[in-house]
Amino acid sequence: MDQSPIPIEKLTVPMLIGYFFNLILFGVLCVQVFIYFQAFLKDRLWSKCLVAWICFIEILQTTLVVIDGIRVFGSGWGDARALADVGLTWFSVPAMTGISISFTAQVFFIWRIRVLSQARLIPAAAFLVSVVQCVAAVWAGVRAHQIRNFTSVLSETFSHTSVWLGGTATADLIIAGSLVYYMRKSQSTELASNGMYVRIVRLIVESGSLCALVAVADLGLFLGYRQTNYHLAPAIALSKLYSNSLLVVLNSRVLMSVDGMDTFSLIDTPSMDARLRVMALGRAPQRNGAKRSSWV
C-alpha cells in the first residue's frame, strides 16, 4: 500500500533538538563533577568511583551523539540513507541510557531508600522494575542495531521500547513516592529536624519526578507518533537528566562561604580562596545496635 512521504522536518528537527539538549546538559554535568571533586575529596572511595564512572560514560555517550550528529547533519546531509540509518543511536540512546546511566542512578537512590527506611519490600520492588527496564533497553538497542533502519525500528522494537520507557518512569515514581512516604513517617523522629536530610530527600523526589515526566513524555511521543522521530528529542537527552540528578543530590551537601557571606558561586574567588563548609548528612537512627549508615 502506498504511503505518503514523511515530512523531512519531522525526522530531523527532533534529532537536532535532542543533540542540543544533550550537549547543554553535558556542560551542566561537567560543572557538577568539578564541584564534587573540589568539595568532597574525603568522600568514600565508592562514591568517588561512582561519579568517575558516570563522568566516563557520559563523555563516551556524548562523543557517540556528536558523531551521529555530524553524520546526519554534516557528511550525510541530503542523503536519505544517512537519515534513515540508525548509526550509533542504538548504543548511545537505549543501551547506554538503560544499563549504564538510568539503572546506576536508580540503584543509587534505591539504596538510599533502603538505608533510610530499613525496609526491604519497596526497595526490592523498585530494583526489580529497574532491572526490567534495563534489560528491555539493552534488547531494544540490540534489535535496533540488527535492523539498522529507523522506520523499521519503530515498529520492530515497539514492545521493548515501551517496556524500557514505561519501566523507567515506574521505577522513578516508586522511588519518589516511597521517599515521600518515609519522609512523612519520620516526622516524629530526629531526622525530620535535620535540614540537610529534608533537603536531600526533596531533591531526590523532584529530580526523580522530572526524570519520570521526561520518560513518560518520551513514551507518549513514541506511541502517538510512530512514523516520526519526535520521541528522539527527549530520548537523546534522557541520560543527562539522570546523571545531573545524581550529582545534584551529592553536591547538595556543599555550601560556599566567601568573606562570611553564604553563596553557591565559585566566581570571583581569587586563588580559589573560598572556605568550603561541607555540611554533614543526616543519618538514620540506630536500631537494636545496628551499624549506622550515612547517605554517602
Protein backbone atom coordinates (compact mmCIF):
# COMPACT_ATOMS: atom_id res chain seq x y z
CA MET A 1 0.00 0.00 0.00
CA ASP A 2 1.38 3.41 -0.90
CA GLN A 3 2.27 5.71 1.96
CA SER A 4 2.69 9.44 1.74
CA PRO A 5 6.28 10.54 2.41
CA ILE A 6 7.04 11.78 5.91
CA PRO A 7 7.99 15.49 6.00
CA ILE A 8 11.74 15.75 6.48
CA GLU A 9 11.44 18.17 9.41
CA LYS A 10 9.56 15.53 11.44
CA LEU A 11 12.65 13.37 11.24
CA THR A 12 15.50 15.88 11.54
CA VAL A 13 14.23 18.59 13.91
CA PRO A 14 13.59 16.26 16.89
CA MET A 15 17.06 14.78 16.49
CA LEU A 16 18.61 18.25 16.37
CA ILE A 17 16.73 19.33 19.50
CA GLY A 18 17.87 16.16 21.27
CA TYR A 19 21.51 16.83 20.31
CA PHE A 20 21.27 20.41 21.59
CA PHE A 21 19.81 19.45 24.97
CA ASN A 22 22.28 16.60 25.33
CA LEU A 23 25.25 18.94 24.88
CA ILE A 24 23.78 21.64 27.11
CA LEU A 25 23.16 19.19 29.94
CA PHE A 26 26.64 17.73 29.41
CA GLY A 27 28.06 21.19 30.13
CA VAL A 28 26.00 21.36 33.31
CA LEU A 29 27.26 17.91 34.28
CA CYS A 30 30.90 18.97 33.82
CA VAL A 31 30.37 21.84 36.27
CA GLN A 32 28.74 19.45 38.74
CA VAL A 33 31.60 16.96 38.51
CA PHE A 34 34.12 19.80 39.04
CA ILE A 35 32.29 20.99 42.16
CA TYR A 36 32.08 17.46 43.53
CA PHE A 37 35.80 16.71 43.25
CA GLN A 38 36.68 20.15 44.65
CA ALA A 39 34.42 19.86 47.67
CA PHE A 40 34.31 16.17 48.54
CA LEU A 41 37.83 14.82 48.31
CA LYS A 42 37.25 12.96 51.57
CA ASP A 43 34.16 11.12 50.37
CA ARG A 44 34.24 7.36 50.44
CA LEU A 45 36.10 5.70 47.59
CA TRP A 46 32.99 4.05 46.15
CA SER A 47 31.24 7.43 45.95
CA LYS A 48 34.12 8.99 44.02
CA CYS A 49 34.30 5.93 41.75
CA LEU A 50 30.58 6.28 41.06
CA VAL A 51 30.98 9.89 39.97
CA ALA A 52 34.02 8.99 37.85
CA TRP A 53 32.04 6.16 36.21
CA ILE A 54 29.12 8.48 35.41
CA CYS A 55 31.54 11.06 34.00
CA PHE A 56 33.29 8.48 31.81
CA ILE A 57 30.03 7.03 30.47
CA GLU A 58 28.62 10.46 29.72
CA ILE A 59 31.77 11.53 27.86
CA LEU A 60 31.51 8.36 25.77
CA GLN A 61 27.79 8.85 25.18
CA THR A 62 28.25 12.50 24.20
CA THR A 63 31.04 11.54 21.79
CA LEU A 64 28.78 8.99 20.08
CA VAL A 65 25.94 11.51 19.89
CA VAL A 66 28.23 14.10 18.28
CA ILE A 67 29.49 11.54 15.75
CA ASP A 68 25.90 10.70 14.81
CA GLY A 69 25.04 14.39 14.57
CA ILE A 70 27.93 15.01 12.20
CA ARG A 71 26.91 12.02 10.12
CA VAL A 72 23.29 13.15 9.76
CA PHE A 73 23.71 16.92 9.53
CA GLY A 74 27.22 17.09 8.10
CA SER A 75 28.80 14.43 5.94
CA GLY A 76 25.46 12.76 5.18
CA TRP A 77 23.38 15.89 4.72
CA GLY A 78 20.81 15.43 1.97
CA ASP A 79 21.33 11.68 1.86
CA ALA A 80 18.10 9.86 2.72
CA ARG A 81 20.03 6.71 3.55
CA ALA A 82 22.14 8.50 6.15
CA LEU A 83 18.99 9.92 7.74
CA ALA A 84 17.28 6.53 7.86
CA ASP A 85 20.35 4.74 9.20
CA VAL A 86 20.31 4.08 12.95
CA GLY A 87 24.04 4.71 13.15
CA LEU A 88 25.34 4.68 16.72
CA THR A 89 21.99 5.68 18.23
CA TRP A 90 21.20 2.03 19.03
CA PHE A 91 24.03 2.10 21.57
CA SER A 92 24.16 5.73 22.73
CA VAL A 93 20.44 6.09 23.49
CA PRO A 94 18.67 2.89 24.63
CA ALA A 95 21.61 0.70 25.62
CA MET A 96 23.75 3.28 27.42
CA THR A 97 20.82 5.14 28.95
CA GLY A 98 19.20 1.94 30.19
CA ILE A 99 22.10 -0.04 31.58
CA SER A 100 24.85 2.45 32.35
CA ILE A 101 23.08 5.61 33.45
CA SER A 102 19.42 5.34 34.47
CA PHE A 103 19.99 1.94 36.10
CA THR A 104 23.01 3.26 38.01
CA ALA A 105 21.15 6.34 39.23
CA GLN A 106 18.07 4.36 40.21
CA VAL A 107 20.10 1.78 42.15
CA PHE A 108 21.86 4.66 43.93
CA PHE A 109 18.54 6.13 45.06
CA ILE A 110 17.07 2.71 45.89
CA TRP A 111 19.99 2.01 48.18
CA ARG A 112 19.39 5.36 49.89
CA ILE A 113 15.77 4.35 50.49
CA ARG A 114 17.00 1.06 51.97
CA VAL A 115 19.35 2.94 54.32
CA LEU A 116 16.66 5.44 55.31
CA SER A 117 13.73 3.08 55.82
CA GLN A 118 15.43 -0.18 56.78
CA ALA A 119 12.63 -1.73 54.72
CA ARG A 120 13.08 -4.36 52.04
CA LEU A 121 9.85 -4.71 50.10
CA ILE A 122 9.64 -1.31 48.41
CA PRO A 123 13.37 -1.10 47.55
CA ALA A 124 13.20 -4.66 46.17
CA ALA A 125 10.17 -3.77 44.03
CA ALA A 126 11.88 -0.64 42.68
CA PHE A 127 15.05 -2.61 41.97
CA LEU A 128 13.10 -5.30 40.10
CA VAL A 129 11.38 -2.70 37.90
CA SER A 130 14.74 -1.02 37.27
CA VAL A 131 16.28 -4.34 36.19
CA VAL A 132 13.36 -4.98 33.82
CA GLN A 133 13.71 -1.57 32.16
CA CYS A 134 17.46 -2.09 31.91
CA VAL A 135 17.07 -5.44 30.12
CA ALA A 136 14.36 -4.02 27.83
CA ALA A 137 16.56 -1.04 26.94
CA VAL A 138 19.51 -3.25 26.05
CA TRP A 139 17.35 -5.56 23.96
CA ALA A 140 15.75 -2.60 22.16
CA GLY A 141 19.24 -1.34 21.32
CA VAL A 142 20.38 -4.75 20.07
CA ARG A 143 17.31 -5.07 17.85
CA ALA A 144 17.83 -1.55 16.51
CA HIS A 145 21.42 -2.45 15.63
CA GLN A 146 20.23 -5.55 13.78
CA ILE A 147 17.51 -3.72 11.86
CA ARG A 148 19.55 -0.56 11.09
CA ASN A 149 16.61 1.39 9.62
CA PHE A 150 14.75 3.93 11.78
CA THR A 151 11.37 3.35 10.13
CA SER A 152 11.53 -0.39 10.73
CA VAL A 153 12.99 0.03 14.21
CA LEU A 154 9.92 1.94 15.39
CA SER A 155 7.66 -0.99 14.64
CA GLU A 156 10.02 -3.89 15.36
CA THR A 157 11.10 -2.64 18.81
CA PHE A 158 7.71 -1.32 19.85
CA SER A 159 7.23 -3.65 22.83
CA HIS A 160 10.83 -3.43 24.05
CA THR A 161 10.92 0.36 23.90
CA SER A 162 7.55 0.60 25.64
CA VAL A 163 8.76 -1.62 28.49
CA TRP A 164 12.01 0.35 28.72
CA LEU A 165 10.42 3.81 28.95
CA GLY A 166 7.43 2.64 30.97
CA GLY A 167 9.68 0.78 33.40
CA THR A 168 11.98 3.77 33.75
CA ALA A 169 9.09 6.06 34.63
CA THR A 170 7.61 3.46 37.02
CA ALA A 171 10.89 2.98 38.88
CA ASP A 172 11.33 6.76 39.24
CA LEU A 173 7.80 7.15 40.57
CA ILE A 174 8.29 4.32 43.08
CA ILE A 175 11.48 5.98 44.30
CA ALA A 176 9.88 9.41 44.61
CA GLY A 177 6.68 8.07 46.19
CA SER A 178 8.48 5.90 48.74
CA LEU A 179 10.70 8.81 49.79
CA VAL A 180 7.65 11.00 50.35
CA TYR A 181 6.07 8.20 52.39
CA TYR A 182 9.12 7.62 54.60
CA MET A 183 9.66 11.36 54.93
CA ARG A 184 6.19 11.76 56.43
CA LYS A 185 6.63 8.65 58.53
CA SER A 186 9.82 10.05 60.07
CA GLN A 187 8.34 13.43 61.00
CA SER A 188 8.32 12.41 64.64
CA THR A 189 11.97 11.41 64.65
CA GLU A 190 15.21 13.37 64.86
CA LEU A 191 15.67 13.05 61.08
CA ALA A 192 12.72 15.33 60.41
CA SER A 193 14.55 18.22 62.14
CA ASN A 194 17.70 17.72 60.05
CA GLY A 195 17.58 20.41 57.38
CA MET A 196 20.13 18.71 55.15
CA TYR A 197 18.23 15.43 55.31
CA VAL A 198 14.97 17.14 54.32
CA ARG A 199 16.72 19.00 51.53
CA ILE A 200 18.28 15.87 50.04
CA VAL A 201 15.00 13.96 50.15
CA ARG A 202 13.25 16.87 48.44
CA LEU A 203 15.92 16.98 45.73
CA ILE A 204 15.62 13.25 45.07
CA VAL A 205 11.83 13.49 44.83
CA GLU A 206 11.98 16.50 42.49
CA SER A 207 14.73 15.11 40.25
CA GLY A 208 13.14 11.65 40.15
CA SER A 209 9.78 13.15 39.24
CA LEU A 210 11.40 15.18 36.46
CA CYS A 211 13.12 12.10 35.03
CA ALA A 212 9.83 10.18 35.22
CA LEU A 213 7.99 13.03 33.48
CA VAL A 214 10.51 13.11 30.61
CA ALA A 215 10.38 9.31 30.29
CA VAL A 216 6.56 9.42 30.13
CA ALA A 217 6.71 12.21 27.54
CA ASP A 218 9.19 10.13 25.53
CA LEU A 219 6.88 7.10 25.73
CA GLY A 220 3.87 9.20 24.74
CA LEU A 221 5.64 10.60 21.68
CA PHE A 222 6.83 7.12 20.76
CA LEU A 223 3.33 5.65 20.99
CA GLY A 224 1.49 8.59 19.47
CA TYR A 225 3.80 9.49 16.58
CA ARG A 226 5.31 6.21 15.47
CA GLN A 227 6.16 7.41 11.95
CA THR A 228 8.30 10.31 13.15
CA ASN A 229 11.37 10.91 15.27
CA TYR A 230 9.57 13.08 17.83
CA HIS A 231 10.47 10.69 20.63
CA LEU A 232 14.20 11.14 19.97
CA ALA A 233 14.14 14.72 21.29
CA PRO A 234 13.70 13.64 24.93
CA ALA A 235 15.32 10.22 24.46
CA ILE A 236 18.72 11.58 23.38
CA ALA A 237 18.89 13.88 26.41
CA LEU A 238 17.38 11.47 28.97
CA SER A 239 20.70 10.07 30.19
CA LYS A 240 21.99 13.54 31.07
CA LEU A 241 18.94 14.16 33.25
CA TYR A 242 19.73 11.06 35.30
CA SER A 243 23.40 11.93 35.65
CA ASN A 244 22.69 15.51 36.67
CA SER A 245 20.03 14.43 39.16
CA LEU A 246 22.54 12.13 40.87
CA LEU A 247 25.23 14.83 41.02
CA VAL A 248 22.73 17.42 42.26
CA VAL A 249 21.96 15.20 45.24
CA LEU A 250 25.64 14.59 46.02
CA ASN A 251 26.54 18.27 45.64
CA SER A 252 23.60 19.46 47.74
CA ARG A 253 25.82 18.99 50.80
CA VAL A 254 28.21 21.78 49.88
CA LEU A 255 27.83 25.44 50.80
CA MET A 256 30.38 28.02 49.72
CA SER A 257 31.26 30.77 52.15
CA VAL A 258 33.29 33.74 50.94
CA ASP A 259 34.14 36.53 53.40
CA GLY A 260 31.40 35.32 55.70
CA MET A 261 28.72 35.56 53.02
CA ASP A 262 26.98 32.34 52.04
CA THR A 263 26.87 31.83 48.30
CA PHE A 264 26.81 28.98 45.80
CA SER A 265 29.06 30.79 43.35
CA LEU A 266 32.61 29.77 42.53
CA ILE A 267 33.19 33.01 40.63
CA ASP A 268 35.32 35.86 41.98
CA THR A 269 37.20 33.68 44.44
CA PRO A 270 40.90 34.58 43.91
CA SER A 271 43.17 31.53 44.03
CA MET A 272 40.10 29.51 44.98
CA ASP A 273 40.37 31.16 48.39
CA ALA A 274 36.86 30.08 49.34
CA ARG A 275 36.02 28.36 52.54
CA LEU A 276 34.06 25.23 51.85
CA ARG A 277 31.73 24.20 54.58
CA VAL A 278 30.75 20.62 53.96
CA MET A 279 27.60 20.01 55.89
CA ALA A 280 27.15 16.61 57.47
CA LEU A 281 24.37 14.45 56.10
CA GLY A 282 21.54 13.10 58.15
CA ARG A 283 21.97 9.56 59.37
CA ALA A 284 19.29 7.03 60.07
CA PRO A 285 18.90 6.37 63.81
CA GLN A 286 20.44 3.21 65.13
CA ARG A 287 18.13 0.28 65.64
CA ASN A 288 18.96 -2.54 68.01
CA GLY A 289 22.64 -1.61 67.98
CA ALA A 290 22.91 -1.83 64.19
CA LYS A 291 25.77 -0.11 62.48
CA ARG A 292 24.93 3.44 61.45
CA SER A 293 24.94 4.10 57.71
CA SER A 294 25.41 7.54 56.16
CA TRP A 295 23.96 8.84 52.94
CA VAL A 296 27.38 8.94 51.31
